[in-house]
Amino acid sequence: MMVSDLNAFVAIDVETANSDCGSICQIGVVSVEQGEIVNEWQTLVDPGTPFTDRNIEIHGITAWDVESAQTFSGIYDDVRAKLEDQVVACHTMFDRRAVRAACDIYRLEDVDCLWLDTAHVARHSWQQFRQRGYTLDNIANHLGIEFSHHDALEDARAAALILLRAVEETGLTVRQWQDGQTPDQK
């Protein structure tokens, strides 16, 4: 990552097999440099735990879909290489909790990165989302971002595009957002 690129970041999204946030069954990561998406990566993950009907209804991923996939520990090095020392954007902090919970399950070291909540960014960038309605699909719809919701790569890409739009419209860099600045403080 170029130090001079104050808008470099990666966006992440995960899907889970059940209500345990560590039960990651799909992960998507989108890398952004100089305001452009430069890399996309996604993989299915064997969560090593049962799938609930509720979660299957949300994302459509089943135990059969992941039967030949690696566990989180098997993809950990790839995930860590993509996130380490980066600003990592996710829409709400669910994805952060999920990655940390999966690391705990497999007794892996937490990934050393700086987390940024794109829901928080949206709440401070667009007045209509300040109090409610700041779900990924609502904001993406408002901004004209088309995506297939509850697919980890699609959701990560949507979160990345929302952050890029917020940077463009507010004039704050990703680093400023991550440092806790908001447009009201400019």
N, C-alpha and C. Protein backbone atom coordinates (compact mmCIF):
# COMPACT_ATOMS: atom_id res chain seq x y z
N MET A 1 0.84 -1.18 0.00
CA MET A 1 0.00 0.00 0.00
C MET A 1 0.88 1.24 0.00
N MET A 2 0.52 2.18 -0.82
CA MET A 2 1.27 3.43 -0.88
C MET A 2 0.85 4.32 0.29
N VAL A 3 1.82 4.80 1.04
CA VAL A 3 1.55 5.65 2.19
C VAL A 3 0.83 6.92 1.75
N SER A 4 1.14 7.42 0.57
CA SER A 4 0.53 8.66 0.10
C SER A 4 -0.93 8.47 -0.32
N ASP A 5 -1.39 7.25 -0.44
CA ASP A 5 -2.77 6.98 -0.84
C ASP A 5 -3.66 6.96 0.40
N LEU A 6 -4.23 8.10 0.74
CA LEU A 6 -5.06 8.21 1.94
C LEU A 6 -6.44 7.60 1.75
N ASN A 7 -6.71 7.12 0.53
CA ASN A 7 -7.98 6.47 0.25
C ASN A 7 -7.83 4.99 -0.07
N ALA A 8 -6.68 4.40 0.24
CA ALA A 8 -6.49 2.96 0.05
C ALA A 8 -7.17 2.23 1.21
N PHE A 9 -7.87 1.16 0.88
CA PHE A 9 -8.52 0.34 1.90
C PHE A 9 -8.93 -0.99 1.29
N VAL A 10 -9.35 -1.90 2.13
CA VAL A 10 -10.00 -3.12 1.67
C VAL A 10 -11.38 -3.16 2.32
N ALA A 11 -12.35 -3.69 1.61
CA ALA A 11 -13.69 -3.88 2.16
C ALA A 11 -13.90 -5.39 2.29
N ILE A 12 -14.57 -5.77 3.36
CA ILE A 12 -14.79 -7.19 3.63
C ILE A 12 -16.26 -7.42 3.97
N ASP A 13 -16.73 -8.60 3.63
CA ASP A 13 -18.05 -9.04 4.06
C ASP A 13 -17.98 -10.55 4.25
N VAL A 14 -18.74 -11.04 5.23
CA VAL A 14 -18.83 -12.48 5.46
C VAL A 14 -20.29 -12.87 5.54
N GLU A 15 -20.54 -14.13 5.23
CA GLU A 15 -21.83 -14.76 5.47
C GLU A 15 -21.57 -15.86 6.49
N THR A 16 -22.57 -16.14 7.33
CA THR A 16 -22.39 -17.14 8.37
C THR A 16 -23.42 -18.26 8.25
N ALA A 17 -23.04 -19.42 8.79
CA ALA A 17 -23.89 -20.61 8.70
C ALA A 17 -25.04 -20.57 9.69
N ASN A 18 -24.84 -19.86 10.80
CA ASN A 18 -25.86 -19.81 11.85
C ASN A 18 -25.67 -18.53 12.67
N SER A 19 -26.33 -18.45 13.81
CA SER A 19 -26.28 -17.21 14.60
C SER A 19 -24.93 -16.98 15.28
N ASP A 20 -24.06 -17.96 15.30
CA ASP A 20 -22.70 -17.77 15.83
C ASP A 20 -21.91 -16.98 14.80
N CYS A 21 -21.51 -15.78 15.14
CA CYS A 21 -20.84 -14.94 14.14
C CYS A 21 -19.50 -15.52 13.68
N GLY A 22 -18.94 -16.47 14.41
CA GLY A 22 -17.70 -17.12 13.98
C GLY A 22 -17.92 -18.22 12.96
N SER A 23 -19.17 -18.51 12.61
CA SER A 23 -19.48 -19.61 11.68
C SER A 23 -19.42 -19.14 10.23
N ILE A 24 -18.32 -18.52 9.85
CA ILE A 24 -18.16 -17.96 8.51
C ILE A 24 -18.23 -19.07 7.46
N CYS A 25 -19.13 -18.87 6.47
CA CYS A 25 -19.25 -19.85 5.38
C CYS A 25 -18.89 -19.23 4.03
N GLN A 26 -18.75 -17.93 3.97
CA GLN A 26 -18.30 -17.25 2.75
C GLN A 26 -17.66 -15.94 3.17
N ILE A 27 -16.60 -15.58 2.45
CA ILE A 27 -15.91 -14.32 2.72
C ILE A 27 -15.57 -13.66 1.39
N GLY A 28 -15.74 -12.35 1.35
CA GLY A 28 -15.39 -11.57 0.16
C GLY A 28 -14.56 -10.38 0.56
N VAL A 29 -13.53 -10.09 -0.22
CA VAL A 29 -12.64 -8.96 0.06
C VAL A 29 -12.41 -8.19 -1.25
N VAL A 30 -12.54 -6.88 -1.15
CA VAL A 30 -12.32 -5.99 -2.29
C VAL A 30 -11.23 -5.00 -1.90
N SER A 31 -10.19 -4.88 -2.72
CA SER A 31 -9.09 -3.95 -2.46
C SER A 31 -9.24 -2.71 -3.32
N VAL A 32 -9.02 -1.54 -2.68
CA VAL A 32 -9.16 -0.26 -3.36
C VAL A 32 -7.87 0.54 -3.21
N GLU A 33 -7.39 1.07 -4.32
CA GLU A 33 -6.22 1.96 -4.33
C GLU A 33 -6.53 3.11 -5.26
N GLN A 34 -6.11 4.30 -4.87
CA GLN A 34 -6.30 5.51 -5.69
C GLN A 34 -7.76 5.64 -6.14
N GLY A 35 -8.70 5.26 -5.27
CA GLY A 35 -10.11 5.41 -5.57
C GLY A 35 -10.69 4.40 -6.53
N GLU A 36 -9.93 3.35 -6.86
CA GLU A 36 -10.40 2.34 -7.81
C GLU A 36 -10.30 0.94 -7.21
N ILE A 37 -11.26 0.10 -7.52
CA ILE A 37 -11.19 -1.30 -7.11
C ILE A 37 -10.10 -1.96 -7.95
N VAL A 38 -9.10 -2.55 -7.28
CA VAL A 38 -7.97 -3.14 -7.98
C VAL A 38 -7.91 -4.66 -7.84
N ASN A 39 -8.65 -5.21 -6.88
CA ASN A 39 -8.63 -6.66 -6.70
C ASN A 39 -9.88 -7.09 -5.96
N GLU A 40 -10.39 -8.26 -6.33
CA GLU A 40 -11.54 -8.87 -5.66
C GLU A 40 -11.21 -10.33 -5.38
N TRP A 41 -11.62 -10.81 -4.22
CA TRP A 41 -11.36 -12.19 -3.83
C TRP A 41 -12.53 -12.69 -3.00
N GLN A 42 -12.95 -13.90 -3.26
CA GLN A 42 -13.99 -14.51 -2.43
C GLN A 42 -13.77 -16.01 -2.38
N THR A 43 -14.24 -16.59 -1.30
CA THR A 43 -14.17 -18.04 -1.17
C THR A 43 -15.27 -18.53 -0.25
N LEU A 44 -15.70 -19.74 -0.50
CA LEU A 44 -16.58 -20.42 0.44
C LEU A 44 -15.70 -20.98 1.54
N VAL A 45 -16.29 -21.15 2.72
CA VAL A 45 -15.56 -21.61 3.90
C VAL A 45 -16.39 -22.68 4.59
N ASP A 46 -15.76 -23.77 4.98
CA ASP A 46 -16.44 -24.78 5.79
C ASP A 46 -16.43 -24.29 7.23
N PRO A 47 -17.61 -23.93 7.79
CA PRO A 47 -17.63 -23.37 9.13
C PRO A 47 -17.44 -24.42 10.22
N GLY A 48 -17.51 -25.70 9.85
CA GLY A 48 -17.34 -26.75 10.85
C GLY A 48 -18.47 -26.82 11.85
N THR A 49 -19.60 -26.27 11.48
CA THR A 49 -20.77 -26.22 12.36
C THR A 49 -22.02 -26.26 11.49
N PRO A 50 -23.15 -26.67 12.04
CA PRO A 50 -24.37 -26.79 11.23
C PRO A 50 -24.89 -25.46 10.69
N PHE A 51 -25.57 -25.55 9.56
CA PHE A 51 -26.26 -24.41 8.96
C PHE A 51 -27.69 -24.38 9.48
N THR A 52 -28.20 -23.19 9.76
CA THR A 52 -29.60 -23.07 10.14
C THR A 52 -30.42 -22.68 8.91
N ASP A 53 -31.68 -23.07 8.92
CA ASP A 53 -32.57 -22.73 7.81
C ASP A 53 -32.65 -21.22 7.60
N ARG A 54 -32.69 -20.49 8.70
CA ARG A 54 -32.78 -19.02 8.61
C ARG A 54 -31.61 -18.45 7.83
N ASN A 55 -30.39 -18.87 8.13
CA ASN A 55 -29.23 -18.34 7.43
C ASN A 55 -29.19 -18.80 5.98
N ILE A 56 -29.58 -20.04 5.74
CA ILE A 56 -29.64 -20.53 4.35
C ILE A 56 -30.61 -19.68 3.54
N GLU A 57 -31.76 -19.32 4.15
CA GLU A 57 -32.74 -18.47 3.45
C GLU A 57 -32.15 -17.10 3.12
N ILE A 58 -31.27 -16.59 3.97
CA ILE A 58 -30.67 -15.27 3.75
C ILE A 58 -29.69 -15.30 2.58
N HIS A 59 -28.74 -16.26 2.60
CA HIS A 59 -27.67 -16.22 1.60
C HIS A 59 -27.68 -17.37 0.60
N GLY A 60 -28.45 -18.41 0.87
CA GLY A 60 -28.56 -19.52 -0.07
C GLY A 60 -27.41 -20.52 -0.03
N ILE A 61 -26.47 -20.36 0.89
CA ILE A 61 -25.33 -21.28 0.99
C ILE A 61 -25.71 -22.42 1.93
N THR A 62 -25.41 -23.65 1.51
CA THR A 62 -25.75 -24.82 2.32
C THR A 62 -24.48 -25.59 2.69
N ALA A 63 -24.66 -26.58 3.55
CA ALA A 63 -23.53 -27.44 3.95
C ALA A 63 -22.95 -28.14 2.72
N TRP A 64 -23.78 -28.49 1.77
CA TRP A 64 -23.28 -29.16 0.56
C TRP A 64 -22.39 -28.24 -0.26
N ASP A 65 -22.71 -26.96 -0.25
CA ASP A 65 -21.91 -26.00 -1.02
C ASP A 65 -20.48 -25.89 -0.49
N VAL A 66 -20.30 -26.12 0.80
CA VAL A 66 -18.99 -25.90 1.42
C VAL A 66 -18.28 -27.21 1.78
N GLU A 67 -18.84 -28.35 1.38
CA GLU A 67 -18.26 -29.62 1.83
C GLU A 67 -16.82 -29.84 1.38
N SER A 68 -16.39 -29.22 0.29
CA SER A 68 -14.99 -29.37 -0.12
C SER A 68 -14.18 -28.09 0.13
N ALA A 69 -14.79 -27.12 0.79
CA ALA A 69 -14.10 -25.86 1.09
C ALA A 69 -13.19 -26.02 2.31
N GLN A 70 -12.23 -25.15 2.43
CA GLN A 70 -11.35 -25.14 3.59
C GLN A 70 -12.05 -24.50 4.78
N THR A 71 -11.57 -24.80 5.97
CA THR A 71 -12.06 -24.12 7.16
C THR A 71 -11.43 -22.73 7.22
N PHE A 72 -11.86 -21.92 8.16
CA PHE A 72 -11.27 -20.58 8.31
C PHE A 72 -9.77 -20.67 8.56
N SER A 73 -9.35 -21.66 9.33
CA SER A 73 -7.91 -21.78 9.58
C SER A 73 -7.15 -22.07 8.29
N GLY A 74 -7.78 -22.73 7.34
CA GLY A 74 -7.15 -23.02 6.06
C GLY A 74 -7.00 -21.81 5.15
N ILE A 75 -7.86 -20.81 5.33
CA ILE A 75 -7.77 -19.60 4.50
C ILE A 75 -7.20 -18.41 5.28
N TYR A 76 -6.91 -18.64 6.56
CA TYR A 76 -6.45 -17.55 7.44
C TYR A 76 -5.26 -16.79 6.86
N ASP A 77 -4.26 -17.48 6.34
CA ASP A 77 -3.08 -16.79 5.80
C ASP A 77 -3.46 -15.86 4.64
N ASP A 78 -4.39 -16.31 3.79
CA ASP A 78 -4.85 -15.46 2.69
C ASP A 78 -5.60 -14.24 3.22
N VAL A 79 -6.50 -14.47 4.18
CA VAL A 79 -7.27 -13.37 4.76
C VAL A 79 -6.32 -12.38 5.44
N ARG A 80 -5.43 -12.89 6.22
CA ARG A 80 -4.49 -12.03 6.94
C ARG A 80 -3.65 -11.20 5.96
N ALA A 81 -3.17 -11.82 4.90
CA ALA A 81 -2.35 -11.10 3.91
C ALA A 81 -3.14 -9.96 3.27
N LYS A 82 -4.44 -10.14 3.08
CA LYS A 82 -5.26 -9.12 2.45
C LYS A 82 -5.62 -7.98 3.40
N LEU A 83 -5.75 -8.29 4.71
CA LEU A 83 -6.23 -7.30 5.67
C LEU A 83 -5.14 -6.62 6.49
N GLU A 84 -4.04 -7.33 6.72
CA GLU A 84 -2.99 -6.86 7.62
C GLU A 84 -2.51 -5.46 7.23
N ASP A 85 -2.43 -4.58 8.23
CA ASP A 85 -1.92 -3.22 8.07
C ASP A 85 -2.75 -2.36 7.12
N GLN A 86 -4.00 -2.70 6.92
CA GLN A 86 -4.89 -1.95 6.04
C GLN A 86 -6.01 -1.31 6.85
N VAL A 87 -6.64 -0.30 6.28
CA VAL A 87 -7.94 0.13 6.76
C VAL A 87 -8.92 -0.88 6.16
N VAL A 88 -9.71 -1.51 7.02
CA VAL A 88 -10.65 -2.54 6.57
C VAL A 88 -12.06 -2.04 6.80
N ALA A 89 -12.78 -1.82 5.71
CA ALA A 89 -14.14 -1.32 5.76
C ALA A 89 -15.13 -2.47 5.75
N CYS A 90 -16.16 -2.35 6.58
CA CYS A 90 -17.26 -3.32 6.59
C CYS A 90 -18.52 -2.56 6.96
N HIS A 91 -19.66 -3.04 6.49
CA HIS A 91 -20.92 -2.37 6.76
C HIS A 91 -21.52 -2.92 8.05
N THR A 92 -21.42 -2.15 9.09
CA THR A 92 -21.63 -2.49 10.50
C THR A 92 -20.43 -3.32 10.92
N MET A 93 -20.28 -3.46 12.19
CA MET A 93 -19.09 -4.17 12.69
C MET A 93 -19.32 -5.67 12.85
N PHE A 94 -20.39 -6.20 12.25
CA PHE A 94 -20.62 -7.64 12.31
C PHE A 94 -19.43 -8.41 11.73
N ASP A 95 -18.93 -7.94 10.61
CA ASP A 95 -17.84 -8.64 9.93
C ASP A 95 -16.57 -8.64 10.77
N ARG A 96 -16.32 -7.55 11.46
CA ARG A 96 -15.17 -7.49 12.38
C ARG A 96 -15.34 -8.53 13.49
N ARG A 97 -16.53 -8.55 14.09
CA ARG A 97 -16.79 -9.53 15.15
C ARG A 97 -16.66 -10.95 14.62
N ALA A 98 -17.13 -11.19 13.40
CA ALA A 98 -17.07 -12.53 12.81
C ALA A 98 -15.63 -12.98 12.58
N VAL A 99 -14.80 -12.11 12.04
CA VAL A 99 -13.40 -12.47 11.82
C VAL A 99 -12.71 -12.75 13.16
N ARG A 100 -12.96 -11.90 14.14
CA ARG A 100 -12.36 -12.11 15.46
C ARG A 100 -12.86 -13.41 16.09
N ALA A 101 -14.15 -13.69 15.96
CA ALA A 101 -14.71 -14.92 16.54
C ALA A 101 -14.13 -16.14 15.85
N ALA A 102 -13.98 -16.10 14.53
CA ALA A 102 -13.38 -17.23 13.81
C ALA A 102 -11.92 -17.41 14.23
N CYS A 103 -11.20 -16.31 14.42
CA CYS A 103 -9.82 -16.41 14.91
C CYS A 103 -9.81 -17.07 16.29
N ASP A 104 -10.73 -16.69 17.15
CA ASP A 104 -10.80 -17.29 18.49
C ASP A 104 -11.10 -18.78 18.42
N ILE A 105 -12.05 -19.17 17.56
CA ILE A 105 -12.42 -20.58 17.43
C ILE A 105 -11.20 -21.43 17.08
N TYR A 106 -10.38 -20.93 16.16
CA TYR A 106 -9.23 -21.69 15.67
C TYR A 106 -7.93 -21.30 16.38
N ARG A 107 -8.04 -20.50 17.43
CA ARG A 107 -6.87 -20.05 18.20
C ARG A 107 -5.82 -19.39 17.31
N LEU A 108 -6.29 -18.50 16.47
CA LEU A 108 -5.42 -17.75 15.56
C LEU A 108 -5.28 -16.33 16.07
N GLU A 109 -4.17 -15.71 15.76
CA GLU A 109 -3.92 -14.33 16.15
C GLU A 109 -4.88 -13.41 15.41
N ASP A 110 -5.42 -12.40 16.13
CA ASP A 110 -6.26 -11.40 15.47
C ASP A 110 -5.46 -10.72 14.36
N VAL A 111 -6.15 -10.36 13.30
CA VAL A 111 -5.51 -9.65 12.20
C VAL A 111 -5.28 -8.20 12.64
N ASP A 112 -4.06 -7.72 12.43
CA ASP A 112 -3.70 -6.36 12.82
C ASP A 112 -4.07 -5.40 11.70
N CYS A 113 -5.21 -4.74 11.87
CA CYS A 113 -5.70 -3.79 10.87
C CYS A 113 -6.52 -2.72 11.56
N LEU A 114 -6.93 -1.73 10.81
CA LEU A 114 -7.76 -0.64 11.32
C LEU A 114 -9.16 -0.78 10.72
N TRP A 115 -10.16 -0.94 11.56
CA TRP A 115 -11.52 -1.19 11.09
C TRP A 115 -12.29 0.11 10.91
N LEU A 116 -13.12 0.17 9.88
CA LEU A 116 -13.95 1.32 9.58
C LEU A 116 -15.35 0.84 9.20
N ASP A 117 -16.35 1.34 9.89
CA ASP A 117 -17.75 0.96 9.69
C ASP A 117 -18.38 1.86 8.62
N THR A 118 -18.73 1.29 7.48
CA THR A 118 -19.33 2.09 6.41
C THR A 118 -20.75 2.52 6.75
N ALA A 119 -21.42 1.83 7.67
CA ALA A 119 -22.74 2.30 8.13
C ALA A 119 -22.57 3.62 8.88
N HIS A 120 -21.54 3.71 9.71
CA HIS A 120 -21.22 4.95 10.42
C HIS A 120 -20.91 6.06 9.41
N VAL A 121 -20.12 5.73 8.41
CA VAL A 121 -19.77 6.72 7.38
C VAL A 121 -21.03 7.21 6.69
N ALA A 122 -21.91 6.30 6.31
CA ALA A 122 -23.14 6.68 5.61
C ALA A 122 -24.04 7.54 6.50
N ARG A 123 -24.11 7.21 7.78
CA ARG A 123 -24.95 7.98 8.71
C ARG A 123 -24.47 9.43 8.83
N HIS A 124 -23.18 9.65 8.64
CA HIS A 124 -22.64 11.00 8.73
C HIS A 124 -22.50 11.68 7.36
N SER A 125 -22.68 10.92 6.29
CA SER A 125 -22.54 11.49 4.95
C SER A 125 -23.86 11.92 4.35
N TRP A 126 -24.93 11.19 4.67
CA TRP A 126 -26.24 11.48 4.09
C TRP A 126 -27.27 11.60 5.21
N GLN A 127 -27.84 12.77 5.31
CA GLN A 127 -28.76 13.11 6.40
C GLN A 127 -29.90 12.10 6.55
N GLN A 128 -30.45 11.59 5.46
CA GLN A 128 -31.61 10.69 5.55
C GLN A 128 -31.27 9.36 6.22
N PHE A 129 -29.99 9.04 6.37
CA PHE A 129 -29.59 7.79 7.02
C PHE A 129 -29.05 8.01 8.44
N ARG A 130 -29.13 9.23 8.93
CA ARG A 130 -28.54 9.55 10.23
C ARG A 130 -29.13 8.70 11.35
N GLN A 131 -30.45 8.51 11.38
CA GLN A 131 -31.10 7.81 12.49
C GLN A 131 -31.54 6.39 12.15
N ARG A 132 -31.91 6.16 10.90
CA ARG A 132 -32.41 4.83 10.53
C ARG A 132 -32.27 4.62 9.03
N GLY A 133 -32.50 3.38 8.62
CA GLY A 133 -32.47 3.07 7.20
C GLY A 133 -31.08 2.94 6.61
N TYR A 134 -30.05 2.80 7.46
CA TYR A 134 -28.67 2.75 6.97
C TYR A 134 -28.20 1.33 6.70
N THR A 135 -29.10 0.47 6.29
CA THR A 135 -28.70 -0.88 5.89
C THR A 135 -27.97 -0.80 4.54
N LEU A 136 -27.17 -1.79 4.28
CA LEU A 136 -26.37 -1.81 3.06
C LEU A 136 -27.26 -1.68 1.82
N ASP A 137 -28.34 -2.44 1.77
CA ASP A 137 -29.19 -2.40 0.58
C ASP A 137 -29.90 -1.06 0.41
N ASN A 138 -30.34 -0.42 1.50
CA ASN A 138 -30.98 0.89 1.40
C ASN A 138 -30.03 1.95 0.88
N ILE A 139 -28.82 1.97 1.42
CA ILE A 139 -27.85 2.98 1.00
C ILE A 139 -27.42 2.73 -0.45
N ALA A 140 -27.15 1.48 -0.78
CA ALA A 140 -26.76 1.15 -2.16
C ALA A 140 -27.86 1.55 -3.13
N ASN A 141 -29.10 1.26 -2.79
CA ASN A 141 -30.23 1.64 -3.64
C ASN A 141 -30.29 3.15 -3.82
N HIS A 142 -30.13 3.89 -2.74
CA HIS A 142 -30.15 5.34 -2.80
C HIS A 142 -29.04 5.88 -3.71
N LEU A 143 -27.89 5.23 -3.69
CA LEU A 143 -26.75 5.70 -4.48
C LEU A 143 -26.70 5.10 -5.88
N GLY A 144 -27.67 4.23 -6.21
CA GLY A 144 -27.70 3.61 -7.53
C GLY A 144 -26.67 2.51 -7.72
N ILE A 145 -26.25 1.90 -6.62
CA ILE A 145 -25.29 0.80 -6.68
C ILE A 145 -26.06 -0.51 -6.79
N GLU A 146 -25.87 -1.22 -7.88
CA GLU A 146 -26.56 -2.49 -8.07
C GLU A 146 -25.68 -3.62 -7.56
N PHE A 147 -26.28 -4.54 -6.80
CA PHE A 147 -25.54 -5.69 -6.29
C PHE A 147 -26.51 -6.77 -5.87
N SER A 148 -25.99 -7.97 -5.71
CA SER A 148 -26.77 -9.12 -5.26
C SER A 148 -26.53 -9.27 -3.76
N HIS A 149 -27.49 -8.79 -2.97
CA HIS A 149 -27.34 -8.73 -1.51
C HIS A 149 -27.18 -10.13 -0.90
N HIS A 150 -26.36 -10.22 0.12
CA HIS A 150 -26.05 -11.44 0.87
C HIS A 150 -25.18 -12.42 0.09
N ASP A 151 -24.40 -11.91 -0.82
CA ASP A 151 -23.28 -12.61 -1.41
C ASP A 151 -22.07 -11.83 -0.91
N ALA A 152 -21.14 -12.51 -0.25
CA ALA A 152 -20.05 -11.80 0.45
C ALA A 152 -19.26 -10.87 -0.47
N LEU A 153 -18.92 -11.32 -1.67
CA LEU A 153 -18.15 -10.45 -2.56
C LEU A 153 -18.99 -9.26 -3.02
N GLU A 154 -20.23 -9.50 -3.37
CA GLU A 154 -21.12 -8.41 -3.80
C GLU A 154 -21.31 -7.39 -2.68
N ASP A 155 -21.50 -7.87 -1.46
CA ASP A 155 -21.69 -6.96 -0.32
C ASP A 155 -20.41 -6.18 -0.02
N ALA A 156 -19.26 -6.83 -0.12
CA ALA A 156 -17.98 -6.13 0.09
C ALA A 156 -17.79 -5.06 -0.97
N ARG A 157 -18.12 -5.37 -2.21
CA ARG A 157 -17.99 -4.39 -3.29
C ARG A 157 -18.94 -3.21 -3.04
N ALA A 158 -20.17 -3.48 -2.62
CA ALA A 158 -21.13 -2.41 -2.34
C ALA A 158 -20.63 -1.53 -1.21
N ALA A 159 -20.09 -2.12 -0.16
CA ALA A 159 -19.54 -1.34 0.95
C ALA A 159 -18.38 -0.46 0.47
N ALA A 160 -17.54 -1.01 -0.39
CA ALA A 160 -16.42 -0.24 -0.94
C ALA A 160 -16.93 0.95 -1.76
N LEU A 161 -17.93 0.72 -2.58
CA LEU A 161 -18.47 1.79 -3.42
C LEU A 161 -19.16 2.87 -2.60
N ILE A 162 -19.83 2.46 -1.51
CA ILE A 162 -20.45 3.43 -0.60
C ILE A 162 -19.38 4.31 0.03
N LEU A 163 -18.30 3.70 0.50
CA LEU A 163 -17.22 4.47 1.10
C LEU A 163 -16.58 5.42 0.09
N LEU A 164 -16.36 4.94 -1.12
CA LEU A 164 -15.79 5.81 -2.15
C LEU A 164 -16.70 6.99 -2.46
N ARG A 165 -18.00 6.75 -2.50
CA ARG A 165 -18.95 7.84 -2.75
C ARG A 165 -18.94 8.84 -1.60
N ALA A 166 -18.85 8.34 -0.37
CA ALA A 166 -18.80 9.23 0.79
C ALA A 166 -17.54 10.10 0.75
N VAL A 167 -16.43 9.51 0.36
CA VAL A 167 -15.17 10.26 0.23
C VAL A 167 -15.35 11.37 -0.80
N GLU A 168 -15.95 11.02 -1.92
CA GLU A 168 -16.16 11.98 -3.01
C GLU A 168 -17.09 13.12 -2.56
N GLU A 169 -18.17 12.79 -1.89
CA GLU A 169 -19.18 13.79 -1.56
C GLU A 169 -18.83 14.63 -0.34
N THR A 170 -18.06 14.08 0.60
CA THR A 170 -17.74 14.84 1.82
C THR A 170 -16.37 15.50 1.77
N GLY A 171 -15.50 15.00 0.92
CA GLY A 171 -14.14 15.54 0.86
C GLY A 171 -13.22 14.98 1.94
N LEU A 172 -13.73 14.10 2.78
CA LEU A 172 -12.89 13.45 3.79
C LEU A 172 -12.23 12.22 3.18
N THR A 173 -10.97 11.99 3.51
CA THR A 173 -10.28 10.80 3.02
C THR A 173 -10.69 9.60 3.87
N VAL A 174 -10.39 8.41 3.38
CA VAL A 174 -10.63 7.19 4.15
C VAL A 174 -9.88 7.27 5.48
N ARG A 175 -8.65 7.74 5.44
CA ARG A 175 -7.86 7.87 6.68
C ARG A 175 -8.52 8.83 7.67
N GLN A 176 -9.08 9.92 7.18
CA GLN A 176 -9.77 10.84 8.07
C GLN A 176 -11.01 10.19 8.69
N TRP A 177 -11.77 9.46 7.87
CA TRP A 177 -12.92 8.74 8.41
C TRP A 177 -12.46 7.75 9.48
N GLN A 178 -11.40 7.01 9.18
CA GLN A 178 -10.91 6.01 10.13
C GLN A 178 -10.42 6.66 11.41
N ASP A 179 -9.89 7.85 11.31
CA ASP A 179 -9.42 8.59 12.48
C ASP A 179 -10.57 9.19 13.29
N GLY A 180 -11.80 9.02 12.82
CA GLY A 180 -12.96 9.48 13.58
C GLY A 180 -13.50 10.83 13.16
N GLN A 181 -12.96 11.42 12.11
CA GLN A 181 -13.50 12.70 11.64
C GLN A 181 -14.83 12.49 10.94
N THR A 182 -15.68 13.49 10.98
CA THR A 182 -16.95 13.48 10.27
C THR A 182 -17.09 14.80 9.54
N PRO A 183 -17.99 14.90 8.58
CA PRO A 183 -18.15 16.17 7.84
C PRO A 183 -18.47 17.35 8.74
N ASP A 184 -19.15 17.14 9.87
CA ASP A 184 -19.49 18.25 10.77
C ASP A 184 -18.24 18.85 11.41
N GLN A 185 -17.13 18.11 11.39
CA GLN A 185 -15.89 18.57 12.03
C GLN A 185 -14.93 19.23 11.05
N LYS A 186 -15.31 19.29 9.79
CA LYS A 186 -14.42 19.88 8.77
C LYS A 186 -14.24 21.35 8.97
